[in-house]
PDB file of all heavy atoms in Angstrom:
ATOM      1  N   TYR A   1     128.983 100.429  66.270  1.00  0.00           N
ATOM      2  CA  TYR A   1     128.195 101.247  65.348  1.00  0.00           C
ATOM      3  C   TYR A   1     129.022 102.473  64.979  1.00  0.00           C
ATOM      4  O   TYR A   1     128.954 103.507  65.644  1.00  0.00           O
ATOM      5  CB  TYR A   1     126.848 101.602  65.975  1.00  0.00           C
ATOM      6  CG  TYR A   1     126.090 100.338  66.311  1.00  0.00           C
ATOM      7  CD1 TYR A   1     126.150  99.787  67.588  1.00  0.00           C
ATOM      8  CD2 TYR A   1     125.381  99.660  65.331  1.00  0.00           C
ATOM      9  CE1 TYR A   1     125.493  98.591  67.882  1.00  0.00           C
ATOM     10  CE2 TYR A   1     124.735  98.464  65.620  1.00  0.00           C
ATOM     11  CZ  TYR A   1     124.790  97.950  66.894  1.00  0.00           C
ATOM     12  OH  TYR A   1     124.156  96.756  67.174  1.00  0.00           O
ATOM     13  N   PRO A   2     129.829 102.353  63.921  1.00  0.00           N
ATOM     14  CA  PRO A   2     130.726 103.456  63.553  1.00  0.00           C
ATOM     15  C   PRO A   2     129.978 104.631  62.941  1.00  0.00           C
ATOM     16  O   PRO A   2     128.855 104.497  62.453  1.00  0.00           O
ATOM     17  CB  PRO A   2     131.644 102.812  62.514  1.00  0.00           C
ATOM     18  CG  PRO A   2     130.819 101.740  61.895  1.00  0.00           C
ATOM     19  CD  PRO A   2     129.939 101.222  63.001  1.00  0.00           C
ATOM     20  N   HIS A   3     130.635 105.787  62.984  1.00  0.00           N
ATOM     21  CA  HIS A   3     130.129 106.981  62.313  1.00  0.00           C
ATOM     22  C   HIS A   3     130.726 106.978  60.903  1.00  0.00           C
ATOM     23  O   HIS A   3     131.950 107.011  60.749  1.00  0.00           O
ATOM     24  CB  HIS A   3     130.539 108.233  63.082  1.00  0.00           C
ATOM     25  CG  HIS A   3     130.104 109.496  62.412  1.00  0.00           C
ATOM     26  ND1 HIS A   3     128.792 109.912  62.407  1.00  0.00           N
ATOM     27  CD2 HIS A   3     130.791 110.411  61.699  1.00  0.00           C
ATOM     28  CE1 HIS A   3     128.697 111.043  61.730  1.00  0.00           C
ATOM     29  NE2 HIS A   3     129.898 111.362  61.284  1.00  0.00           N
ATOM     30  N   ILE A   4     129.873 106.904  59.890  1.00  0.00           N
ATOM     31  CA  ILE A   4     130.332 106.808  58.498  1.00  0.00           C
ATOM     32  C   ILE A   4     129.791 108.010  57.736  1.00  0.00           C
ATOM     33  O   ILE A   4     128.586 108.269  57.756  1.00  0.00           O
ATOM     34  CB  ILE A   4     129.822 105.495  57.844  1.00  0.00           C
ATOM     35  CG1 ILE A   4     130.266 104.284  58.671  1.00  0.00           C
ATOM     36  CG2 ILE A   4     130.325 105.384  56.409  1.00  0.00           C
ATOM     37  CD1 ILE A   4     129.581 102.976  58.271  1.00  0.00           C
ATOM     38  N   GLU A   5     130.697 108.738  57.062  1.00  0.00           N
ATOM     39  CA  GLU A   5     130.251 109.914  56.316  1.00  0.00           C
ATOM     40  C   GLU A   5     131.101 110.135  55.076  1.00  0.00           C
ATOM     41  O   GLU A   5     132.248 109.702  55.001  1.00  0.00           O
ATOM     42  CB  GLU A   5     130.283 111.158  57.206  1.00  0.00           C
ATOM     43  CG  GLU A   5     131.670 111.571  57.630  1.00  0.00           C
ATOM     44  CD  GLU A   5     131.688 112.816  58.492  1.00  0.00           C
ATOM     45  OE1 GLU A   5     130.707 113.572  58.488  1.00  0.00           O
ATOM     46  OE2 GLU A   5     132.708 113.028  59.169  1.00  0.00           O
ATOM     47  N   ILE A   6     130.505 110.835  54.111  1.00  0.00           N
ATOM     48  CA  ILE A   6     131.214 111.230  52.897  1.00  0.00           C
ATOM     49  C   ILE A   6     131.926 112.545  53.197  1.00  0.00           C
ATOM     50  O   ILE A   6     131.315 113.469  53.751  1.00  0.00           O
ATOM     51  CB  ILE A   6     130.233 111.406  51.721  1.00  0.00           C
ATOM     52  CG1 ILE A   6     129.520 110.084  51.424  1.00  0.00           C
ATOM     53  CG2 ILE A   6     130.967 111.923  50.482  1.00  0.00           C
ATOM     54  CD1 ILE A   6     128.338 110.207  50.475  1.00  0.00           C
ATOM     55  N   VAL A   7     133.207 112.605  52.862  1.00  0.00           N
ATOM     56  CA  VAL A   7     133.976 113.831  53.057  1.00  0.00           C
ATOM     57  C   VAL A   7     134.685 114.177  51.755  1.00  0.00           C
ATOM     58  O   VAL A   7     135.065 113.297  50.986  1.00  0.00           O
ATOM     59  CB  VAL A   7     135.002 113.689  54.211  1.00  0.00           C
ATOM     60  CG1 VAL A   7     134.307 113.567  55.547  1.00  0.00           C
ATOM     61  CG2 VAL A   7     135.934 112.518  53.998  1.00  0.00           C
ATOM     62  N   LYS A   8     134.846 115.474  51.491  1.00  0.00           N
ATOM     63  CA  LYS A   8     135.591 115.934  50.313  1.00  0.00           C
ATOM     64  C   LYS A   8     137.023 116.214  50.756  1.00  0.00           C
ATOM     65  O   LYS A   8     137.257 116.984  51.682  1.00  0.00           O
ATOM     66  CB  LYS A   8     134.981 117.212  49.758  1.00  0.00           C
ATOM     67  CG  LYS A   8     133.829 116.959  48.830  1.00  0.00           C
ATOM     68  CD  LYS A   8     134.171 117.477  47.431  1.00  0.00           C
ATOM     69  CE  LYS A   8     132.943 117.522  46.573  1.00  0.00           C
ATOM     70  NZ  LYS A   8     132.803 116.393  45.697  1.00  0.00           N
ATOM     71  N   ILE A   9     137.962 115.545  50.089  1.00  0.00           N
ATOM     72  CA  ILE A   9     139.374 115.767  50.364  1.00  0.00           C
ATOM     73  C   ILE A   9     140.052 116.022  49.033  1.00  0.00           C
ATOM     74  O   ILE A   9     139.921 115.219  48.102  1.00  0.00           O
ATOM     75  CB  ILE A   9     140.007 114.544  51.073  1.00  0.00           C
ATOM     76  CG1 ILE A   9     139.260 114.249  52.384  1.00  0.00           C
ATOM     77  CG2 ILE A   9     141.491 114.785  51.329  1.00  0.00           C
ATOM     78  CD1 ILE A   9     139.643 112.947  53.043  1.00  0.00           C
ATOM     79  N   SER A  10     140.736 117.143  48.941  1.00  0.00           N
ATOM     80  CA  SER A  10     141.388 117.552  47.681  1.00  0.00           C
ATOM     81  C   SER A  10     140.394 117.523  46.521  1.00  0.00           C
ATOM     82  O   SER A  10     140.728 117.104  45.409  1.00  0.00           O
ATOM     83  CB  SER A  10     142.589 116.651  47.373  1.00  0.00           C
ATOM     84  OG  SER A  10     143.536 116.724  48.398  1.00  0.00           O
ATOM     85  N   GLY A  11     139.148 117.906  46.788  1.00  0.00           N
ATOM     86  CA  GLY A  11     138.117 117.969  45.759  1.00  0.00           C
ATOM     87  C   GLY A  11     137.544 116.627  45.345  1.00  0.00           C
ATOM     88  O   GLY A  11     136.772 116.549  44.395  1.00  0.00           O
ATOM     89  N   LYS A  12     137.922 115.561  46.038  1.00  0.00           N
ATOM     90  CA  LYS A  12     137.440 114.220  45.680  1.00  0.00           C
ATOM     91  C   LYS A  12     136.611 113.642  46.813  1.00  0.00           C
ATOM     92  O   LYS A  12     136.881 113.890  47.991  1.00  0.00           O
ATOM     93  CB  LYS A  12     138.627 113.297  45.389  1.00  0.00           C
ATOM     94  CG  LYS A  12     139.446 113.759  44.199  1.00  0.00           C
ATOM     95  CD  LYS A  12     140.650 112.879  43.988  1.00  0.00           C
ATOM     96  CE  LYS A  12     141.466 113.408  42.808  1.00  0.00           C
ATOM     97  NZ  LYS A  12     142.726 112.701  42.666  1.00  0.00           N
ATOM     98  N   ASN A  13     135.592 112.850  46.438  1.00  0.00           N
ATOM     99  CA  ASN A  13     134.767 112.189  47.440  1.00  0.00           C
ATOM    100  C   ASN A  13     135.524 111.032  48.085  1.00  0.00           C
ATOM    101  O   ASN A  13     136.069 110.172  47.388  1.00  0.00           O
ATOM    102  CB  ASN A  13     133.479 111.644  46.816  1.00  0.00           C
ATOM    103  CG  ASN A  13     132.469 112.725  46.550  1.00  0.00           C
ATOM    104  OD1 ASN A  13     132.456 113.761  47.201  1.00  0.00           O
ATOM    105  ND2 ASN A  13     131.606 112.493  45.579  1.00  0.00           N
ATOM    106  N   CYS A  14     135.548 111.030  49.391  1.00  0.00           N
ATOM    107  CA  CYS A  14     136.132 109.949  50.170  1.00  0.00           C
ATOM    108  C   CYS A  14     135.127 109.572  51.248  1.00  0.00           C
ATOM    109  O   CYS A  14     134.137 110.283  51.466  1.00  0.00           O
ATOM    110  CB  CYS A  14     137.445 110.391  50.817  1.00  0.00           C
ATOM    111  SG  CYS A  14     138.740 110.810  49.622  1.00  0.00           S
ATOM    112  N   ILE A  15     135.366 108.474  51.918  1.00  0.00           N
ATOM    113  CA  ILE A  15     134.481 108.047  53.003  1.00  0.00           C
ATOM    114  C   ILE A  15     135.310 107.918  54.263  1.00  0.00           C
ATOM    115  O   ILE A  15     136.350 107.250  54.278  1.00  0.00           O
ATOM    116  CB  ILE A  15     133.801 106.701  52.674  1.00  0.00           C
ATOM    117  CG1 ILE A  15     132.946 106.833  51.411  1.00  0.00           C
ATOM    118  CG2 ILE A  15     132.959 106.224  53.855  1.00  0.00           C
ATOM    119  CD1 ILE A  15     132.419 105.522  50.864  1.00  0.00           C
ATOM    120  N   ASN A  16     134.836 108.579  55.321  1.00  0.00           N
ATOM    121  CA  ASN A  16     135.488 108.518  56.632  1.00  0.00           C
ATOM    122  C   ASN A  16     134.668 107.618  57.544  1.00  0.00           C
ATOM    123  O   ASN A  16     133.453 107.768  57.640  1.00  0.00           O
ATOM    124  CB  ASN A  16     135.606 109.920  57.231  1.00  0.00           C
ATOM    125  CG  ASN A  16     136.077 109.897  58.668  1.00  0.00           C
ATOM    126  OD1 ASN A  16     135.404 110.425  59.540  1.00  0.00           O
ATOM    127  ND2 ASN A  16     137.211 109.288  58.931  1.00  0.00           N
ATOM    128  N   VAL A  17     135.338 106.673  58.192  1.00  0.00           N
ATOM    129  CA  VAL A  17     134.704 105.784  59.158  1.00  0.00           C
ATOM    130  C   VAL A  17     135.405 106.012  60.495  1.00  0.00           C
ATOM    131  O   VAL A  17     136.579 105.679  60.648  1.00  0.00           O
ATOM    132  CB  VAL A  17     134.826 104.298  58.742  1.00  0.00           C
ATOM    133  CG1 VAL A  17     134.128 103.398  59.743  1.00  0.00           C
ATOM    134  CG2 VAL A  17     134.295 104.075  57.333  1.00  0.00           C
ATOM    135  N   ASP A  18     134.700 106.625  61.439  1.00  0.00           N
ATOM    136  CA  ASP A  18     135.215 106.797  62.802  1.00  0.00           C
ATOM    137  C   ASP A  18     134.587 105.725  63.659  1.00  0.00           C
ATOM    138  O   ASP A  18     133.365 105.525  63.619  1.00  0.00           O
ATOM    139  CB  ASP A  18     134.854 108.171  63.361  1.00  0.00           C
ATOM    140  CG  ASP A  18     135.824 109.248  62.909  1.00  0.00           C
ATOM    141  OD1 ASP A  18     137.037 108.969  62.876  1.00  0.00           O
ATOM    142  OD2 ASP A  18     135.363 110.356  62.589  1.00  0.00           O
ATOM    143  N   PHE A  19     135.396 105.055  64.475  1.00  0.00           N
ATOM    144  CA  PHE A  19     134.871 103.945  65.267  1.00  0.00           C
ATOM    145  C   PHE A  19     135.514 103.908  66.643  1.00  0.00           C
ATOM    146  O   PHE A  19     136.631 104.389  66.833  1.00  0.00           O
ATOM    147  CB  PHE A  19     135.092 102.617  64.529  1.00  0.00           C
ATOM    148  CG  PHE A  19     136.519 102.382  64.132  1.00  0.00           C
ATOM    149  CD1 PHE A  19     137.408 101.733  64.973  1.00  0.00           C
ATOM    150  CD2 PHE A  19     136.989 102.830  62.898  1.00  0.00           C
ATOM    151  CE1 PHE A  19     138.727 101.536  64.615  1.00  0.00           C
ATOM    152  CE2 PHE A  19     138.313 102.628  62.520  1.00  0.00           C
ATOM    153  CZ  PHE A  19     139.185 101.976  63.388  1.00  0.00           C
ATOM    154  N   SER A  20     134.764 103.347  67.581  1.00  0.00           N
ATOM    155  CA  SER A  20     135.298 103.134  68.928  1.00  0.00           C
ATOM    156  C   SER A  20     134.520 101.995  69.562  1.00  0.00           C
ATOM    157  O   SER A  20     133.417 101.654  69.141  1.00  0.00           O
ATOM    158  CB  SER A  20     135.176 104.403  69.775  1.00  0.00           C
ATOM    159  OG  SER A  20     133.826 104.744  69.965  1.00  0.00           O
ATOM    160  N   GLY A  21     135.134 101.399  70.567  1.00  0.00           N
ATOM    161  CA  GLY A  21     134.487 100.306  71.275  1.00  0.00           C
ATOM    162  C   GLY A  21     135.286  99.914  72.494  1.00  0.00           C
ATOM    163  O   GLY A  21     136.515  99.943  72.480  1.00  0.00           O
ATOM    164  N   LYS A  22     134.587  99.580  73.553  1.00  0.00           N
ATOM    165  CA  LYS A  22     135.228  99.214  74.814  1.00  0.00           C
ATOM    166  C   LYS A  22     134.707  97.883  75.336  1.00  0.00           C
ATOM    167  O   LYS A  22     134.795  97.601  76.516  1.00  0.00           O
ATOM    168  CB  LYS A  22     134.961 100.306  75.866  1.00  0.00           C
ATOM    169  CG  LYS A  22     135.409 101.690  75.458  1.00  0.00           C
ATOM    170  CD  LYS A  22     136.868 101.886  75.731  1.00  0.00           C
ATOM    171  CE  LYS A  22     137.270 103.313  75.496  1.00  0.00           C
ATOM    172  NZ  LYS A  22     138.294 103.506  74.519  1.00  0.00           N
ATOM    173  N   ASP A  23     134.147  97.057  74.449  1.00  0.00           N
ATOM    174  CA  ASP A  23     133.473  95.833  74.890  1.00  0.00           C
ATOM    175  C   ASP A  23     134.362  94.598  74.895  1.00  0.00           C
ATOM    176  O   ASP A  23     133.882  93.494  74.703  1.00  0.00           O
ATOM    177  CB  ASP A  23     132.235  95.572  74.025  1.00  0.00           C
ATOM    178  CG  ASP A  23     131.143  96.586  74.307  1.00  0.00           C
ATOM    179  OD1 ASP A  23     131.054  97.062  75.447  1.00  0.00           O
ATOM    180  OD2 ASP A  23     130.395  96.905  73.379  1.00  0.00           O
ATOM    181  N   GLY A  24     135.652  94.774  75.076  1.00  0.00           N
ATOM    182  CA  GLY A  24     136.498  93.593  75.196  1.00  0.00           C
ATOM    183  C   GLY A  24     137.243  93.261  73.936  1.00  0.00           C
ATOM    184  O   GLY A  24     137.588  94.127  73.144  1.00  0.00           O
ATOM    185  N   LEU A  25     137.467  92.001  73.743  1.00  0.00           N
ATOM    186  CA  LEU A  25     138.251  91.502  72.623  1.00  0.00           C
ATOM    187  C   LEU A  25     137.367  91.382  71.380  1.00  0.00           C
ATOM    188  O   LEU A  25     136.332  90.726  71.410  1.00  0.00           O
ATOM    189  CB  LEU A  25     138.840  90.137  72.996  1.00  0.00           C
ATOM    190  CG  LEU A  25     139.984  89.617  72.164  1.00  0.00           C
ATOM    191  CD1 LEU A  25     141.136  90.612  72.105  1.00  0.00           C
ATOM    192  CD2 LEU A  25     140.482  88.310  72.749  1.00  0.00           C
ATOM    193  N   TYR A  26     137.779  92.027  70.298  1.00  0.00           N
ATOM    194  CA  TYR A  26     136.998  92.032  69.057  1.00  0.00           C
ATOM    195  C   TYR A  26     137.538  91.001  68.078  1.00  0.00           C
ATOM    196  O   TYR A  26     138.738  90.758  68.010  1.00  0.00           O
ATOM    197  CB  TYR A  26     137.045  93.423  68.410  1.00  0.00           C
ATOM    198  CG  TYR A  26     136.269  94.442  69.198  1.00  0.00           C
ATOM    199  CD1 TYR A  26     136.872  95.138  70.240  1.00  0.00           C
ATOM    200  CD2 TYR A  26     134.939  94.685  68.926  1.00  0.00           C
ATOM    201  CE1 TYR A  26     136.152  96.057  70.988  1.00  0.00           C
ATOM    202  CE2 TYR A  26     134.208  95.593  69.664  1.00  0.00           C
ATOM    203  CZ  TYR A  26     134.820  96.282  70.695  1.00  0.00           C
ATOM    204  OH  TYR A  26     134.098  97.180  71.431  1.00  0.00           O
ATOM    205  N   SER A  27     136.615  90.417  67.317  1.00  0.00           N
ATOM    206  CA  SER A  27     137.007  89.495  66.253  1.00  0.00           C
ATOM    207  C   SER A  27     136.380  89.955  64.939  1.00  0.00           C
ATOM    208  O   SER A  27     135.313  90.566  64.925  1.00  0.00           O
ATOM    209  CB  SER A  27     136.559  88.060  66.568  1.00  0.00           C
ATOM    210  OG  SER A  27     135.142  87.971  66.524  1.00  0.00           O
ATOM    211  N   ALA A  28     137.080  89.660  63.846  1.00  0.00           N
ATOM    212  CA  ALA A  28     136.584  89.950  62.502  1.00  0.00           C
ATOM    213  C   ALA A  28     136.610  88.650  61.722  1.00  0.00           C
ATOM    214  O   ALA A  28     137.626  87.962  61.680  1.00  0.00           O
ATOM    215  CB  ALA A  28     137.469  90.990  61.822  1.00  0.00           C
ATOM    216  N   PHE A  29     135.476  88.296  61.146  1.00  0.00           N
ATOM    217  CA  PHE A  29     135.355  87.061  60.365  1.00  0.00           C
ATOM    218  C   PHE A  29     135.792  85.854  61.197  1.00  0.00           C
ATOM    219  O   PHE A  29     136.408  84.921  60.697  1.00  0.00           O
ATOM    220  CB  PHE A  29     136.154  87.157  59.054  1.00  0.00           C
ATOM    221  CG  PHE A  29     135.721  88.313  58.194  1.00  0.00           C
ATOM    222  CD1 PHE A  29     136.384  89.535  58.266  1.00  0.00           C
ATOM    223  CD2 PHE A  29     134.653  88.192  57.327  1.00  0.00           C
ATOM    224  CE1 PHE A  29     135.975  90.616  57.489  1.00  0.00           C
ATOM    225  CE2 PHE A  29     134.239  89.261  56.539  1.00  0.00           C
ATOM    226  CZ  PHE A  29     134.902  90.470  56.630  1.00  0.00           C
ATOM    227  N   GLY A  30     135.510  85.902  62.521  1.00  0.00           N
ATOM    228  CA  GLY A  30     135.807  84.779  63.412  1.00  0.00           C
ATOM    229  C   GLY A  30     137.257  84.671  63.853  1.00  0.00           C
ATOM    230  O   GLY A  30     137.627  83.691  64.493  1.00  0.00           O
ATOM    231  N   ARG A  31     138.076  85.668  63.540  1.00  0.00           N
ATOM    232  CA  ARG A  31     139.489  85.642  63.944  1.00  0.00           C
ATOM    233  C   ARG A  31     139.825  86.912  64.713  1.00  0.00           C
ATOM    234  O   ARG A  31     139.176  87.932  64.545  1.00  0.00           O
ATOM    235  CB  ARG A  31     140.394  85.516  62.721  1.00  0.00           C
ATOM    236  CG  ARG A  31     140.146  84.223  62.002  1.00  0.00           C
ATOM    237  CD  ARG A  31     141.079  84.035  60.870  1.00  0.00           C
ATOM    238  NE  ARG A  31     140.856  82.670  60.379  1.00  0.00           N
ATOM    239  CZ  ARG A  31     141.779  81.924  59.866  1.00  0.00           C
ATOM    240  NH1 ARG A  31     142.995  82.370  59.743  1.00  0.00           N
ATOM    241  NH2 ARG A  31     141.506  80.713  59.446  1.00  0.00           N
ATOM    242  N   PHE A  32     140.874  86.826  65.506  1.00  0.00           N
ATOM    243  CA  PHE A  32     141.286  87.954  66.338  1.00  0.00           C
ATOM    244  C   PHE A  32     142.563  88.575  65.774  1.00  0.00           C
ATOM    245  O   PHE A  32     143.480  87.867  65.357  1.00  0.00           O
ATOM    246  CB  PHE A  32     141.523  87.481  67.776  1.00  0.00           C
ATOM    247  CG  PHE A  32     140.269  86.975  68.419  1.00  0.00           C
ATOM    248  CD1 PHE A  32     139.925  85.636  68.326  1.00  0.00           C
ATOM    249  CD2 PHE A  32     139.430  87.834  69.103  1.00  0.00           C
ATOM    250  CE1 PHE A  32     138.759  85.157  68.910  1.00  0.00           C
ATOM    251  CE2 PHE A  32     138.259  87.365  69.691  1.00  0.00           C
ATOM    252  CZ  PHE A  32     137.922  86.033  69.589  1.00  0.00           C
ATOM    253  N   TYR A  33     142.607  89.916  65.784  1.00  0.00           N
ATOM    254  CA  TYR A  33     143.734  90.657  65.229  1.00  0.00           C
ATOM    255  C   TYR A  33     144.152  91.764  66.183  1.00  0.00           C
ATOM    256  O   TYR A  33     143.351  92.249  66.985  1.00  0.00           O
ATOM    257  CB  TYR A  33     143.342  91.300  63.886  1.00  0.00           C
ATOM    258  CG  TYR A  33     142.943  90.308  62.833  1.00  0.00           C
ATOM    259  CD1 TYR A  33     141.642  89.837  62.741  1.00  0.00           C
ATOM    260  CD2 TYR A  33     143.884  89.830  61.918  1.00  0.00           C
ATOM    261  CE1 TYR A  33     141.275  88.907  61.779  1.00  0.00           C
ATOM    262  CE2 TYR A  33     143.521  88.901  60.940  1.00  0.00           C
ATOM    263  CZ  TYR A  33     142.222  88.446  60.882  1.00  0.00           C
ATOM    264  OH  TYR A  33     141.864  87.528  59.922  1.00  0.00           O
ATOM    265  N   LEU A  34     145.418  92.178  66.060  1.00  0.00           N
ATOM    266  CA  LEU A  34     145.949  93.271  66.855  1.00  0.00           C
ATOM    267  C   LEU A  34     146.772  94.173  65.938  1.00  0.00           C
ATOM    268  O   LEU A  34     147.530  93.683  65.092  1.00  0.00           O
ATOM    269  CB  LEU A  34     146.836  92.729  67.984  1.00  0.00           C
ATOM    270  CG  LEU A  34     147.252  93.734  69.050  1.00  0.00           C
ATOM    271  CD1 LEU A  34     146.040  94.177  69.865  1.00  0.00           C
ATOM    272  CD2 LEU A  34     148.298  93.122  69.974  1.00  0.00           C
ATOM    273  N   ARG A  35     146.621  95.470  66.098  1.00  0.00           N
ATOM    274  CA  ARG A  35     147.349  96.437  65.279  1.00  0.00           C
ATOM    275  C   ARG A  35     148.785  96.551  65.783  1.00  0.00           C
ATOM    276  O   ARG A  35     149.013  96.799  66.957  1.00  0.00           O
ATOM    277  CB  ARG A  35     146.640  97.790  65.351  1.00  0.00           C
ATOM    278  CG  ARG A  35     147.165  98.821  64.396  1.00  0.00           C
ATOM    279  CD  ARG A  35     146.795  98.500  62.980  1.00  0.00           C
ATOM    280  NE  ARG A  35     146.979  99.659  62.117  1.00  0.00           N
ATOM    281  CZ  ARG A  35     146.490  99.758  60.916  1.00  0.00           C
ATOM    282  NH1 ARG A  35     145.781  98.779  60.405  1.00  0.00           N
ATOM    283  NH2 ARG A  35     146.709 100.831  60.210  1.00  0.00           N
ATOM    284  N   VAL A  36     149.715  96.355  64.878  1.00  0.00           N
ATOM    285  CA  VAL A  36     151.135  96.508  65.188  1.00  0.00           C
ATOM    286  C   VAL A  36     151.715  97.413  64.115  1.00  0.00           C
ATOM    287  O   VAL A  36     151.848  96.996  62.959  1.00  0.00           O
ATOM    288  CB  VAL A  36     151.865  95.143  65.222  1.00  0.00           C
ATOM    289  CG1 VAL A  36     153.345  95.345  65.538  1.00  0.00           C
ATOM    290  CG2 VAL A  36     151.219  94.203  66.224  1.00  0.00           C
ATOM    291  N   GLY A  37     151.991  98.660  64.487  1.00  0.00           N
ATOM    292  CA  GLY A  37     152.430  99.643  63.493  1.00  0.00           C
ATOM    293  C   GLY A  37     151.318  99.875  62.493  1.00  0.00           C
ATOM    294  O   GLY A  37     150.219 100.268  62.861  1.00  0.00           O
ATOM    295  N   GLU A  38     151.587  99.590  61.220  1.00  0.00           N
ATOM    296  CA  GLU A  38     150.580  99.752  60.171  1.00  0.00           C
ATOM    297  C   GLU A  38     150.007  98.414  59.742  1.00  0.00           C
ATOM    298  O   GLU A  38     149.291  98.331  58.749  1.00  0.00           O
ATOM    299  CB  GLU A  38     151.212 100.435  58.955  1.00  0.00           C
ATOM    300  CG  GLU A  38     151.776 101.800  59.249  1.00  0.00           C
ATOM    301  CD  GLU A  38     152.659 102.313  58.117  1.00  0.00           C
ATOM    302  OE1 GLU A  38     152.613 101.764  57.004  1.00  0.00           O
ATOM    303  OE2 GLU A  38     153.395 103.265  58.363  1.00  0.00           O
ATOM    304  N   GLU A  39     150.318  97.349  60.484  1.00  0.00           N
ATOM    305  CA  GLU A  39     149.871  96.002  60.110  1.00  0.00           C
ATOM    306  C   GLU A  39     148.808  95.469  61.058  1.00  0.00           C
ATOM    307  O   GLU A  39     148.770  95.831  62.227  1.00  0.00           O
ATOM    308  CB  GLU A  39     151.056  95.024  60.176  1.00  0.00           C
ATOM    309  CG  GLU A  39     152.041  95.156  59.067  1.00  0.00           C
ATOM    310  CD  GLU A  39     153.086  94.046  59.163  1.00  0.00           C
ATOM    311  OE1 GLU A  39     153.498  93.693  60.280  1.00  0.00           O
ATOM    312  OE2 GLU A  39     153.460  93.526  58.109  1.00  0.00           O
ATOM    313  N   ASP A  40     147.998  94.567  60.522  1.00  0.00           N
ATOM    314  CA  ASP A  40     147.005  93.857  61.310  1.00  0.00           C
ATOM    315  C   ASP A  40     147.524  92.439  61.504  1.00  0.00           C
ATOM    316  O   ASP A  40     147.573  91.659  60.559  1.00  0.00           O
ATOM    317  CB  ASP A  40     145.652  93.847  60.594  1.00  0.00           C
ATOM    318  CG  ASP A  40     145.195  95.258  60.275  1.00  0.00           C
ATOM    319  OD1 ASP A  40     145.418  96.149  61.109  1.00  0.00           O
ATOM    320  OD2 ASP A  40     144.640  95.464  59.184  1.00  0.00           O
ATOM    321  N   LYS A  41     147.930  92.121  62.727  1.00  0.00           N
ATOM    322  CA  LYS A  41     148.558  90.837  63.018  1.00  0.00           C
ATOM    323  C   LYS A  41     147.524  89.868  63.578  1.00  0.00           C
ATOM    324  O   LYS A  41     146.825  90.182  64.538  1.00  0.00           O
ATOM    325  CB  LYS A  41     149.682  91.071  64.030  1.00  0.00           C
ATOM    326  CG  LYS A  41     150.454  89.858  64.386  1.00  0.00           C
ATOM    327  CD  LYS A  41     151.546  90.223  65.398  1.00  0.00           C
ATOM    328  CE  LYS A  41     152.095  88.955  65.983  1.00  0.00           C
ATOM    329  NZ  LYS A  41     152.519  89.104  67.346  1.00  0.00           N
TER     330      LYS A  41
END
């Protein structure tokens, strides 16, 4: 359950999503991914 809010950055509306979780291995759309640098592997 992420924290989602509208934030103003450089005078423009943006959306910030802060998230955390400690419940084990997460999957998205039925697949598992791991962050490597700036990529989702």
